[in-house]
PDB file of N, CA and C in Angstrom:
ATOM      1  N   MET A   1     112.856  85.127  43.158  1.00  0.00           N
ATOM      2  CA  MET A   1     111.973  84.499  42.298  1.00  0.00           C
ATOM      3  C   MET A   1     112.719  84.080  41.000  1.00  0.00           C
ATOM      4  N   LEU A   2     113.666  84.839  40.464  1.00  0.00           N
ATOM      5  CA  LEU A   2     114.363  84.606  39.295  1.00  0.00           C
ATOM      6  C   LEU A   2     115.377  83.381  39.428  1.00  0.00           C
ATOM      7  N   LYS A   3     115.703  83.026  40.592  1.00  0.00           N
ATOM      8  CA  LYS A   3     116.780  82.160  40.754  1.00  0.00           C
ATOM      9  C   LYS A   3     116.420  80.814  40.128  1.00  0.00           C
ATOM     10  N   GLY A   4     117.148  80.248  39.231  1.00  0.00           N
ATOM     11  CA  GLY A   4     116.948  79.022  38.525  1.00  0.00           C
ATOM     12  C   GLY A   4     116.162  79.396  37.284  1.00  0.00           C
ATOM     13  N   HIS A   5     115.645  80.414  36.980  1.00  0.00           N
ATOM     14  CA  HIS A   5     114.719  80.596  35.878  1.00  0.00           C
ATOM     15  C   HIS A   5     115.238  81.657  34.789  1.00  0.00           C
ATOM     16  N   LEU A   6     116.513  82.264  35.201  1.00  0.00           N
ATOM     17  CA  LEU A   6     116.978  83.377  34.256  1.00  0.00           C
ATOM     18  C   LEU A   6     117.309  82.826  32.935  1.00  0.00           C
ATOM     19  N   ASP A   7     117.841  81.737  32.758  1.00  0.00           N
ATOM     20  CA  ASP A   7     118.106  81.127  31.541  1.00  0.00           C
ATOM     21  C   ASP A   7     116.918  81.055  30.604  1.00  0.00           C
ATOM     22  N   MET A   8     115.816  80.524  31.108  1.00  0.00           N
ATOM     23  CA  MET A   8     114.628  80.346  30.447  1.00  0.00           C
ATOM     24  C   MET A   8     113.991  81.707  30.126  1.00  0.00           C
ATOM     25  N   ILE A   9     114.129  82.628  30.994  1.00  0.00           N
ATOM     26  CA  ILE A   9     113.698  84.013  30.715  1.00  0.00           C
ATOM     27  C   ILE A   9     114.471  84.620  29.357  1.00  0.00           C
ATOM     28  N   VAL A  10     115.666  84.561  29.501  1.00  0.00           N
ATOM     29  CA  VAL A  10     116.670  85.053  28.329  1.00  0.00           C
ATOM     30  C   VAL A  10     116.305  84.388  27.051  1.00  0.00           C
ATOM     31  N   LEU A  11     116.163  83.050  27.064  1.00  0.00           N
ATOM     32  CA  LEU A  11     115.843  82.310  25.930  1.00  0.00           C
ATOM     33  C   LEU A  11     114.433  82.706  25.296  1.00  0.00           C
ATOM     34  N   ALA A  12     113.415  82.985  26.226  1.00  0.00           N
ATOM     35  CA  ALA A  12     112.199  83.345  25.701  1.00  0.00           C
ATOM     36  C   ALA A  12     112.281  84.797  25.233  1.00  0.00           C
ATOM     37  N   ALA A  13     113.054  85.715  25.678  1.00  0.00           N
ATOM     38  CA  ALA A  13     113.222  87.031  25.177  1.00  0.00           C
ATOM     39  C   ALA A  13     113.762  86.876  23.764  1.00  0.00           C
ATOM     40  N   LEU A  14     114.532  85.948  23.475  1.00  0.00           N
ATOM     41  CA  LEU A  14     115.175  85.786  22.185  1.00  0.00           C
ATOM     42  C   LEU A  14     114.415  84.945  21.124  1.00  0.00           C
ATOM     43  N   ALA A  15     113.348  84.318  21.640  1.00  0.00           N
ATOM     44  CA  ALA A  15     112.551  83.401  20.784  1.00  0.00           C
ATOM     45  C   ALA A  15     111.934  84.147  19.576  1.00  0.00           C
ATOM     46  N   ALA A  16     111.672  85.388  19.765  1.00  0.00           N
ATOM     47  CA  ALA A  16     111.056  86.320  18.681  1.00  0.00           C
ATOM     48  C   ALA A  16     112.101  86.668  17.586  1.00  0.00           C
ATOM     49  N   GLY A  17     113.349  86.580  17.989  1.00  0.00           N
ATOM     50  CA  GLY A  17     114.504  86.910  16.988  1.00  0.00           C
ATOM     51  C   GLY A  17     115.774  87.412  17.710  1.00  0.00           C
ATOM     52  N   SER A  18     116.639  87.581  16.941  1.00  0.00           N
ATOM     53  CA  SER A  18     118.005  87.919  17.542  1.00  0.00           C
ATOM     54  C   SER A  18     117.957  89.338  18.092  1.00  0.00           C
ATOM     55  N   ALA A  19     118.770  89.571  19.073  1.00  0.00           N
ATOM     56  CA  ALA A  19     118.821  90.923  19.752  1.00  0.00           C
ATOM     57  C   ALA A  19     120.168  91.002  20.389  1.00  0.00           C
ATOM     58  N   HIS A  20     120.570  92.235  20.624  1.00  0.00           N
ATOM     59  CA  HIS A  20     121.822  92.624  21.415  1.00  0.00           C
ATOM     60  C   HIS A  20     121.415  92.675  22.918  1.00  0.00           C
ATOM     61  N   GLY A  21     122.438  92.605  23.746  1.00  0.00           N
ATOM     62  CA  GLY A  21     122.171  92.542  25.116  1.00  0.00           C
ATOM     63  C   GLY A  21     121.152  93.590  25.709  1.00  0.00           C
ATOM     64  N   TYR A  22     121.341  94.836  25.409  1.00  0.00           N
ATOM     65  CA  TYR A  22     120.276  95.831  25.920  1.00  0.00           C
ATOM     66  C   TYR A  22     118.977  95.565  25.409  1.00  0.00           C
ATOM     67  N   ALA A  23     118.767  95.193  24.210  1.00  0.00           N
ATOM     68  CA  ALA A  23     117.483  94.892  23.582  1.00  0.00           C
ATOM     69  C   ALA A  23     116.795  93.717  24.486  1.00  0.00           C
ATOM     70  N   VAL A  24     117.689  92.757  24.778  1.00  0.00           N
ATOM     71  CA  VAL A  24     117.268  91.566  25.606  1.00  0.00           C
ATOM     72  C   VAL A  24     116.643  92.076  26.920  1.00  0.00           C
ATOM     73  N   ILE A  25     117.324  92.961  27.535  1.00  0.00           N
ATOM     74  CA  ILE A  25     116.982  93.553  28.868  1.00  0.00           C
ATOM     75  C   ILE A  25     115.591  94.394  28.592  1.00  0.00           C
ATOM     76  N   GLU A  26     115.556  95.045  27.619  1.00  0.00           N
ATOM     77  CA  GLU A  26     114.291  95.751  27.250  1.00  0.00           C
ATOM     78  C   GLU A  26     113.034  94.943  27.056  1.00  0.00           C
ATOM     79  N   GLU A  27     113.329  93.903  26.243  1.00  0.00           N
ATOM     80  CA  GLU A  27     112.355  92.979  25.887  1.00  0.00           C
ATOM     81  C   GLU A  27     111.794  92.133  27.044  1.00  0.00           C
ATOM     82  N   ILE A  28     112.616  91.786  27.876  1.00  0.00           N
ATOM     83  CA  ILE A  28     112.179  91.223  29.161  1.00  0.00           C
ATOM     84  C   ILE A  28     111.398  92.112  30.073  1.00  0.00           C
ATOM     85  N   LYS A  29     111.903  93.253  30.123  1.00  0.00           N
ATOM     86  CA  LYS A  29     111.088  94.263  31.034  1.00  0.00           C
ATOM     87  C   LYS A  29     109.662  94.501  30.449  1.00  0.00           C
ATOM     88  N   ARG A  30     109.575  94.660  29.068  1.00  0.00           N
ATOM     89  CA  ARG A  30     108.365  94.966  28.345  1.00  0.00           C
ATOM     90  C   ARG A  30     107.441  93.760  28.512  1.00  0.00           C
ATOM     91  N   ARG A  31     107.852  92.539  28.241  1.00  0.00           N
ATOM     92  CA  ARG A  31     107.048  91.426  28.289  1.00  0.00           C
ATOM     93  C   ARG A  31     106.625  91.075  29.659  1.00  0.00           C
ATOM     94  N   SER A  32     107.324  91.376  30.691  1.00  0.00           N
ATOM     95  CA  SER A  32     107.071  91.101  32.076  1.00  0.00           C
ATOM     96  C   SER A  32     106.119  92.296  32.714  1.00  0.00           C
ATOM     97  N   GLY A  33     105.713  93.203  31.924  1.00  0.00           N
ATOM     98  CA  GLY A  33     105.082  94.431  32.338  1.00  0.00           C
ATOM     99  C   GLY A  33     105.811  95.222  33.417  1.00  0.00           C
ATOM    100  N   GLY A  34     107.110  95.242  33.285  1.00  0.00           N
ATOM    101  CA  GLY A  34     107.997  95.977  34.117  1.00  0.00           C
ATOM    102  C   GLY A  34     108.473  95.291  35.427  1.00  0.00           C
ATOM    103  N   ALA A  35     107.954  93.976  35.563  1.00  0.00           N
ATOM    104  CA  ALA A  35     108.206  93.280  36.896  1.00  0.00           C
ATOM    105  C   ALA A  35     109.669  92.867  36.955  1.00  0.00           C
ATOM    106  N   PHE A  36     110.323  92.466  35.621  1.00  0.00           N
ATOM    107  CA  PHE A  36     111.706  92.197  35.566  1.00  0.00           C
ATOM    108  C   PHE A  36     112.453  93.257  34.914  1.00  0.00           C
ATOM    109  N   ASP A  37     113.042  94.088  35.741  1.00  0.00           N
ATOM    110  CA  ASP A  37     114.004  95.099  35.298  1.00  0.00           C
ATOM    111  C   ASP A  37     115.384  94.782  35.618  1.00  0.00           C
ATOM    112  N   LEU A  38     116.083  93.879  34.766  1.00  0.00           N
ATOM    113  CA  LEU A  38     117.222  93.199  35.020  1.00  0.00           C
ATOM    114  C   LEU A  38     118.441  94.061  34.774  1.00  0.00           C
ATOM    115  N   PRO A  39     119.563  94.117  35.462  1.00  0.00           N
ATOM    116  CA  PRO A  39     120.654  94.853  35.208  1.00  0.00           C
ATOM    117  C   PRO A  39     121.605  94.097  34.259  1.00  0.00           C
ATOM    118  N   GLU A  40     122.388  94.907  33.620  1.00  0.00           N
ATOM    119  CA  GLU A  40     123.352  94.309  32.514  1.00  0.00           C
ATOM    120  C   GLU A  40     124.294  93.325  33.252  1.00  0.00           C
ATOM    121  N   GLY A  41     124.560  93.526  34.434  1.00  0.00           N
ATOM    122  CA  GLY A  41     125.399  92.621  35.048  1.00  0.00           C
ATOM    123  C   GLY A  41     124.802  91.200  35.339  1.00  0.00           C
ATOM    124  N   THR A  42     123.390  91.187  35.184  1.00  0.00           N
ATOM    125  CA  THR A  42     122.813  89.819  35.143  1.00  0.00           C
ATOM    126  C   THR A  42     122.601  89.296  33.862  1.00  0.00           C
ATOM    127  N   ILE A  43     122.380  90.059  32.845  1.00  0.00           N
ATOM    128  CA  ILE A  43     121.923  89.687  31.468  1.00  0.00           C
ATOM    129  C   ILE A  43     123.236  89.146  30.775  1.00  0.00           C
ATOM    130  N   TYR A  44     124.326  90.046  30.742  1.00  0.00           N
ATOM    131  CA  TYR A  44     125.482  89.687  29.911  1.00  0.00           C
ATOM    132  C   TYR A  44     126.070  88.293  30.278  1.00  0.00           C
ATOM    133  N   PRO A  45     126.324  88.060  31.649  1.00  0.00           N
ATOM    134  CA  PRO A  45     126.855  86.718  32.006  1.00  0.00           C
ATOM    135  C   PRO A  45     125.880  85.552  31.551  1.00  0.00           C
ATOM    136  N   ALA A  46     124.623  85.761  31.601  1.00  0.00           N
ATOM    137  CA  ALA A  46     123.654  84.758  31.203  1.00  0.00           C
ATOM    138  C   ALA A  46     123.780  84.530  29.662  1.00  0.00           C
ATOM    139  N   LEU A  47     123.980  85.659  28.946  1.00  0.00           N
ATOM    140  CA  LEU A  47     124.199  85.448  27.500  1.00  0.00           C
ATOM    141  C   LEU A  47     125.357  84.733  27.096  1.00  0.00           C
ATOM    142  N   HIS A  48     126.454  85.010  27.898  1.00  0.00           N
ATOM    143  CA  HIS A  48     127.737  84.327  27.544  1.00  0.00           C
ATOM    144  C   HIS A  48     127.701  82.855  28.037  1.00  0.00           C
ATOM    145  N   ARG A  49     126.896  82.631  29.068  1.00  0.00           N
ATOM    146  CA  ARG A  49     126.789  81.206  29.675  1.00  0.00           C
ATOM    147  C   ARG A  49     125.854  80.512  28.616  1.00  0.00           C
ATOM    148  N   LEU A  50     124.966  80.981  28.190  1.00  0.00           N
ATOM    149  CA  LEU A  50     124.122  80.360  27.162  1.00  0.00           C
ATOM    150  C   LEU A  50     124.673  80.017  25.763  1.00  0.00           C
ATOM    151  N   GLU A  51     125.651  80.980  25.453  1.00  0.00           N
ATOM    152  CA  GLU A  51     126.338  80.880  24.201  1.00  0.00           C
ATOM    153  C   GLU A  51     127.382  79.646  24.357  1.00  0.00           C
ATOM    154  N   GLN A  52     128.030  79.714  25.492  1.00  0.00           N
ATOM    155  CA  GLN A  52     128.998  78.581  25.791  1.00  0.00           C
ATOM    156  C   GLN A  52     128.346  77.170  25.808  1.00  0.00           C
ATOM    157  N   ALA A  53     127.090  77.175  26.272  1.00  0.00           N
ATOM    158  CA  ALA A  53     126.366  76.018  26.353  1.00  0.00           C
ATOM    159  C   ALA A  53     125.832  75.630  24.942  1.00  0.00           C
ATOM    160  N   GLY A  54     125.918  76.456  23.933  1.00  0.00           N
ATOM    161  CA  GLY A  54     125.386  76.090  22.605  1.00  0.00           C
ATOM    162  C   GLY A  54     124.030  76.418  22.427  1.00  0.00           C
ATOM    163  N   LEU A  55     123.325  77.203  23.335  1.00  0.00           N
ATOM    164  CA  LEU A  55     121.990  77.586  23.170  1.00  0.00           C
ATOM    165  C   LEU A  55     121.720  78.774  22.426  1.00  0.00           C
ATOM    166  N   LEU A  56     122.841  79.571  22.379  1.00  0.00           N
ATOM    167  CA  LEU A  56     122.757  80.909  21.642  1.00  0.00           C
ATOM    168  C   LEU A  56     124.108  80.765  20.742  1.00  0.00           C
ATOM    169  N   SER A  57     124.091  81.505  19.587  1.00  0.00           N
ATOM    170  CA  SER A  57     125.319  81.907  18.997  1.00  0.00           C
ATOM    171  C   SER A  57     125.361  83.528  19.043  1.00  0.00           C
ATOM    172  N   SER A  58     126.443  84.033  18.456  1.00  0.00           N
ATOM    173  CA  SER A  58     126.400  85.573  18.375  1.00  0.00           C
ATOM    174  C   SER A  58     127.267  85.897  17.208  1.00  0.00           C
ATOM    175  N   ARG A  59     127.058  87.127  16.770  1.00  0.00           N
ATOM    176  CA  ARG A  59     127.733  87.717  15.665  1.00  0.00           C
ATOM    177  C   ARG A  59     127.693  89.272  15.927  1.00  0.00           C
ATOM    178  N   TRP A  60     128.728  89.869  15.372  1.00  0.00           N
ATOM    179  CA  TRP A  60     128.885  91.336  15.494  1.00  0.00           C
ATOM    180  C   TRP A  60     128.227  92.054  14.356  1.00  0.00           C
ATOM    181  N   THR A  61     127.372  93.102  14.650  1.00  0.00           N
ATOM    182  CA  THR A  61     126.675  93.795  13.602  1.00  0.00           C
ATOM    183  C   THR A  61     127.020  95.255  13.852  1.00  0.00           C
ATOM    184  N   THR A  62     126.906  96.124  12.835  1.00  0.00           N
ATOM    185  CA  THR A  62     126.931  97.456  13.031  1.00  0.00           C
ATOM    186  C   THR A  62     125.714  98.252  12.778  1.00  0.00           C
ATOM    187  N   ALA A  63     125.155  98.907  13.821  1.00  0.00           N
ATOM    188  CA  ALA A  63     123.881  99.714  13.798  1.00  0.00           C
ATOM    189  C   ALA A  63     124.162 100.821  12.802  1.00  0.00           C
ATOM    190  N   ASP A  64     123.048 101.420  12.461  1.00  0.00           N
ATOM    191  CA  ASP A  64     122.916 102.584  11.589  1.00  0.00           C
ATOM    192  C   ASP A  64     123.692 103.777  12.196  1.00  0.00           C
ATOM    193  N   SER A  65     123.912 103.729  13.430  1.00  0.00           N
ATOM    194  CA  SER A  65     124.683 104.848  14.152  1.00  0.00           C
ATOM    195  C   SER A  65     126.118 104.529  13.964  1.00  0.00           C
ATOM    196  N   GLY A  66     126.470 103.521  13.461  1.00  0.00           N
ATOM    197  CA  GLY A  66     127.951 103.047  13.291  1.00  0.00           C
ATOM    198  C   GLY A  66     128.534 102.301  14.551  1.00  0.00           C
ATOM    199  N   ARG A  67     127.605 102.081  15.604  1.00  0.00           N
ATOM    200  CA  ARG A  67     127.973 101.447  16.842  1.00  0.00           C
ATOM    201  C   ARG A  67     127.960  99.869  16.508  1.00  0.00           C
ATOM    202  N   ARG A  68     129.023  99.217  16.974  1.00  0.00           N
ATOM    203  CA  ARG A  68     129.043  97.812  16.830  1.00  0.00           C
ATOM    204  C   ARG A  68     128.327  97.083  18.110  1.00  0.00           C
ATOM    205  N   ARG A  69     127.586  96.073  17.766  1.00  0.00           N
ATOM    206  CA  ARG A  69     126.813  95.321  18.717  1.00  0.00           C
ATOM    207  C   ARG A  69     126.911  93.886  18.456  1.00  0.00           C
ATOM    208  N   ARG A  70     126.967  93.238  19.570  1.00  0.00           N
ATOM    209  CA  ARG A  70     126.859  91.653  19.405  1.00  0.00           C
ATOM    210  C   ARG A  70     125.398  91.342  19.521  1.00  0.00           C
ATOM    211  N   VAL A  71     125.015  90.612  18.583  1.00  0.00           N
ATOM    212  CA  VAL A  71     123.635  90.100  18.587  1.00  0.00           C
ATOM    213  C   VAL A  71     123.670  88.563  18.698  1.00  0.00           C
ATOM    214  N   TYR A  72     122.560  88.202  19.522  1.00  0.00           N
ATOM    215  CA  TYR A  72     122.479  86.784  19.861  1.00  0.00           C
ATOM    216  C   TYR A  72     121.246  86.155  19.353  1.00  0.00           C
ATOM    217  N   PRO A  73     121.356  85.215  18.449  1.00  0.00           N
ATOM    218  CA  PRO A  73     120.205  84.398  17.965  1.00  0.00           C
ATOM    219  C   PRO A  73     120.203  83.005  18.667  1.00  0.00           C
ATOM    220  N   LEU A  74     118.964  82.497  18.802  1.00  0.00           N
ATOM    221  CA  LEU A  74     118.902  81.144  19.465  1.00  0.00           C
ATOM    222  C   LEU A  74     119.458  80.064  18.420  1.00  0.00           C
ATOM    223  N   THR A  75     119.992  79.229  18.891  1.00  0.00           N
ATOM    224  CA  THR A  75     120.444  77.955  18.195  1.00  0.00           C
ATOM    225  C   THR A  75     119.105  77.012  18.057  1.00  0.00           C
ATOM    226  N   ASN A  76     119.261  75.967  17.251  1.00  0.00           N
ATOM    227  CA  ASN A  76     118.256  74.985  17.313  1.00  0.00           C
ATOM    228  C   ASN A  76     118.174  74.259  18.760  1.00  0.00           C
ATOM    229  N   ALA A  77     119.415  74.073  19.286  1.00  0.00           N
ATOM    230  CA  ALA A  77     119.486  73.497  20.631  1.00  0.00           C
ATOM    231  C   ALA A  77     118.862  74.455  21.686  1.00  0.00           C
ATOM    232  N   GLY A  78     119.050  75.789  21.306  1.00  0.00           N
ATOM    233  CA  GLY A  78     118.379  76.797  22.142  1.00  0.00           C
ATOM    234  C   GLY A  78     116.789  76.685  22.247  1.00  0.00           C
ATOM    235  N   ASN A  79     116.349  76.576  20.906  1.00  0.00           N
ATOM    236  CA  ASN A  79     114.897  76.409  20.799  1.00  0.00           C
ATOM    237  C   ASN A  79     114.402  75.179  21.447  1.00  0.00           C
ATOM    238  N   ARG A  80     115.053  74.135  21.290  1.00  0.00           N
ATOM    239  CA  ARG A  80     114.615  72.870  22.108  1.00  0.00           C
ATOM    240  C   ARG A  80     114.698  73.045  23.474  1.00  0.00           C
ATOM    241  N   ALA A  81     115.664  73.749  24.094  1.00  0.00           N
ATOM    242  CA  ALA A  81     115.842  73.851  25.591  1.00  0.00           C
ATOM    243  C   ALA A  81     114.656  74.742  25.977  1.00  0.00           C
ATOM    244  N   LEU A  82     114.363  75.834  25.079  1.00  0.00           N
ATOM    245  CA  LEU A  82     113.260  76.653  25.637  1.00  0.00           C
ATOM    246  C   LEU A  82     111.895  75.867  25.727  1.00  0.00           C
ATOM    247  N   VAL A  83     111.678  75.055  24.751  1.00  0.00           N
ATOM    248  CA  VAL A  83     110.420  74.280  24.832  1.00  0.00           C
ATOM    249  C   VAL A  83     110.461  73.283  26.161  1.00  0.00           C
ATOM    250  N   GLU A  84     111.596  72.678  26.300  1.00  0.00           N
ATOM    251  CA  GLU A  84     111.709  71.788  27.458  1.00  0.00           C
ATOM    252  C   GLU A  84     111.561  72.613  28.807  1.00  0.00           C
ATOM    253  N   ARG A  85     112.231  73.633  28.846  1.00  0.00           N
ATOM    254  CA  ARG A  85     112.125  74.450  30.213  1.00  0.00           C
ATOM    255  C   ARG A  85     110.652  74.982  30.254  1.00  0.00           C
ATOM    256  N   HIS A  86     110.036  75.411  29.284  1.00  0.00           N
ATOM    257  CA  HIS A  86     108.765  75.873  29.360  1.00  0.00           C
ATOM    258  C   HIS A  86     107.817  74.767  29.812  1.00  0.00           C
ATOM    259  N   ALA A  87     107.914  73.518  29.283  1.00  0.00           N
ATOM    260  CA  ALA A  87     107.040  72.315  29.728  1.00  0.00           C
ATOM    261  C   ALA A  87     107.348  72.147  31.276  1.00  0.00           C
ATOM    262  N   VAL A  88     108.697  72.201  31.690  1.00  0.00           N
ATOM    263  CA  VAL A  88     108.857  71.945  33.180  1.00  0.00           C
ATOM    264  C   VAL A  88     108.279  73.075  34.009  1.00  0.00           C
ATOM    265  N   TRP A  89     108.332  74.350  33.474  1.00  0.00           N
ATOM    266  CA  TRP A  89     107.754  75.419  34.183  1.00  0.00           C
ATOM    267  C   TRP A  89     106.276  75.347  34.388  1.00  0.00           C
ATOM    268  N   ARG A  90     105.647  74.864  33.220  1.00  0.00           N
ATOM    269  CA  ARG A  90     104.153  74.674  33.188  1.00  0.00           C
ATOM    270  C   ARG A  90     103.793  73.665  34.240  1.00  0.00           C
ATOM    271  N   GLN A  91     104.477  72.538  34.428  1.00  0.00           N
ATOM    272  CA  GLN A  91     104.226  71.527  35.418  1.00  0.00           C
ATOM    273  C   GLN A  91     104.453  72.013  36.704  1.00  0.00           C
ATOM    274  N   PHE A  92     105.342  72.882  36.990  1.00  0.00           N
ATOM    275  CA  PHE A  92     105.656  73.524  38.247  1.00  0.00           C
ATOM    276  C   PHE A  92     104.599  74.442  38.670  1.00  0.00           C
ATOM    277  N   SER A  93     104.140  75.167  37.612  1.00  0.00           N
ATOM    278  CA  SER A  93     103.183  76.262  37.881  1.00  0.00           C
ATOM    279  C   SER A  93     101.885  75.611  38.138  1.00  0.00           C
ATOM    280  N   ASP A  94     101.398  74.584  37.400  1.00  0.00           N
ATOM    281  CA  ASP A  94     100.171  73.795  37.631  1.00  0.00           C
ATOM    282  C   ASP A  94     100.227  73.194  39.037  1.00  0.00           C
ATOM    283  N   ALA A  95     101.307  72.662  39.533  1.00  0.00           N
ATOM    284  CA  ALA A  95     101.409  72.016  40.734  1.00  0.00           C
ATOM    285  C   ALA A  95     101.176  72.983  41.841  1.00  0.00           C
ATOM    286  N   ILE A  96     101.876  74.263  41.699  1.00  0.00           N
ATOM    287  CA  ILE A  96     101.842  75.264  42.721  1.00  0.00           C
ATOM    288  C   ILE A  96     100.283  75.820  42.800  1.00  0.00           C
ATOM    289  N   THR A  97      99.698  76.062  41.621  1.00  0.00           N
ATOM    290  CA  THR A  97      98.274  76.416  41.473  1.00  0.00           C
ATOM    291  C   THR A  97      97.377  75.410  42.169  1.00  0.00           C
ATOM    292  N   GLY A  98      97.532  74.098  42.073  1.00  0.00           N
ATOM    293  CA  GLY A  98      96.812  73.145  42.552  1.00  0.00           C
ATOM    294  C   GLY A  98      96.972  73.252  44.093  1.00  0.00           C
ATOM    295  N   LEU A  99      98.227  73.326  44.687  1.00  0.00           N
ATOM    296  CA  LEU A  99      98.315  73.490  46.047  1.00  0.00           C
ATOM    297  C   LEU A  99      97.653  74.740  46.660  1.00  0.00           C
ATOM    298  N   LEU A 100      97.691  75.583  45.960  1.00  0.00           N
ATOM    299  CA  LEU A 100      97.186  77.051  46.482  1.00  0.00           C
ATOM    300  C   LEU A 100      95.657  77.016  46.358  1.00  0.00           C
ATOM    301  N   ALA A 101      95.140  76.316  45.388  1.00  0.00           N
ATOM    302  CA  ALA A 101      93.682  76.230  45.144  1.00  0.00           C
ATOM    303  C   ALA A 101      92.892  75.814  46.380  1.00  0.00           C
ATOM    304  N   GLY A 102      93.546  74.666  47.142  1.00  0.00           N
ATOM    305  CA  GLY A 102      92.851  73.997  48.147  1.00  0.00           C
ATOM    306  C   GLY A 102      93.189  74.701  49.594  1.00  0.00           C
ATOM    307  N   THR A 103      93.760  75.990  49.587  1.00  0.00           N
ATOM    308  CA  THR A 103      94.104  76.494  50.846  1.00  0.00           C
ATOM    309  C   THR A 103      93.319  77.759  50.995  1.00  0.00           C
ATOM    310  N   ARG A 104      93.318  78.300  52.308  1.00  0.00           N
ATOM    311  CA  ARG A 104      92.792  79.383  52.694  1.00  0.00           C
ATOM    312  C   ARG A 104      93.691  80.152  53.624  1.00  0.00           C
ATOM    313  N   PRO A 105      93.806  81.510  53.370  1.00  0.00           N
ATOM    314  CA  PRO A 105      94.831  82.152  54.204  1.00  0.00           C
ATOM    315  C   PRO A 105      94.355  81.984  55.736  1.00  0.00           C
ATOM    316  N   ARG A 106      95.346  81.729  56.570  1.00  0.00           N
ATOM    317  CA  ARG A 106      95.075  81.429  58.115  1.00  0.00           C
ATOM    318  C   ARG A 106      94.778  82.878  58.668  1.00  0.00           C
ATOM    319  N   GLU A 107      93.830  82.898  59.579  1.00  0.00           N
ATOM    320  CA  GLU A 107      93.548  84.068  60.293  1.00  0.00           C
ATOM    321  C   GLU A 107      94.696  84.455  61.222  1.00  0.00           C
ATOM    322  N   ASN A 108      94.998  85.609  61.500  1.00  0.00           N
ATOM    323  CA  ASN A 108      95.958  86.084  62.396  1.00  0.00           C
ATOM    324  C   ASN A 108      95.411  85.686  63.879  1.00  0.00           C
ATOM    325  N   PRO A 109      96.242  84.912  64.614  1.00  0.00           N
ATOM    326  CA  PRO A 109      95.617  84.523  65.929  1.00  0.00           C
ATOM    327  C   PRO A 109      95.777  85.701  66.867  1.00  0.00           C
ATOM    328  N   ALA A 110      96.366  86.739  66.661  1.00  0.00           N
ATOM    329  CA  ALA A 110      96.516  87.834  67.533  1.00  0.00           C
ATOM    330  C   ALA A 110      95.331  88.747  67.593  1.00  0.00           C
TER     331      ALA A 110
END
């Protein structure tokens, strides 16, 4: 289900503000009601890809614990991309809803 939508999901998680990778994972999990519990091996490559595309930037910060973390904020281009992808998603979702609204589950012939 996530195929093709991961970038939009990551952008949406960062729309509220900058976050480090693990916080992005937790935000996606929280906002999806636990439906999307994505591994680091999925999120970090997406963050790097989105940064290379100019949709995110990054900077190093030091937490109160002294641990250094890379924090990712959306760029202006990232905000625009999120708005565009959200519009495409809404059109897709509305189309699927329309298709399903006129159907009934088929009875099992057995």
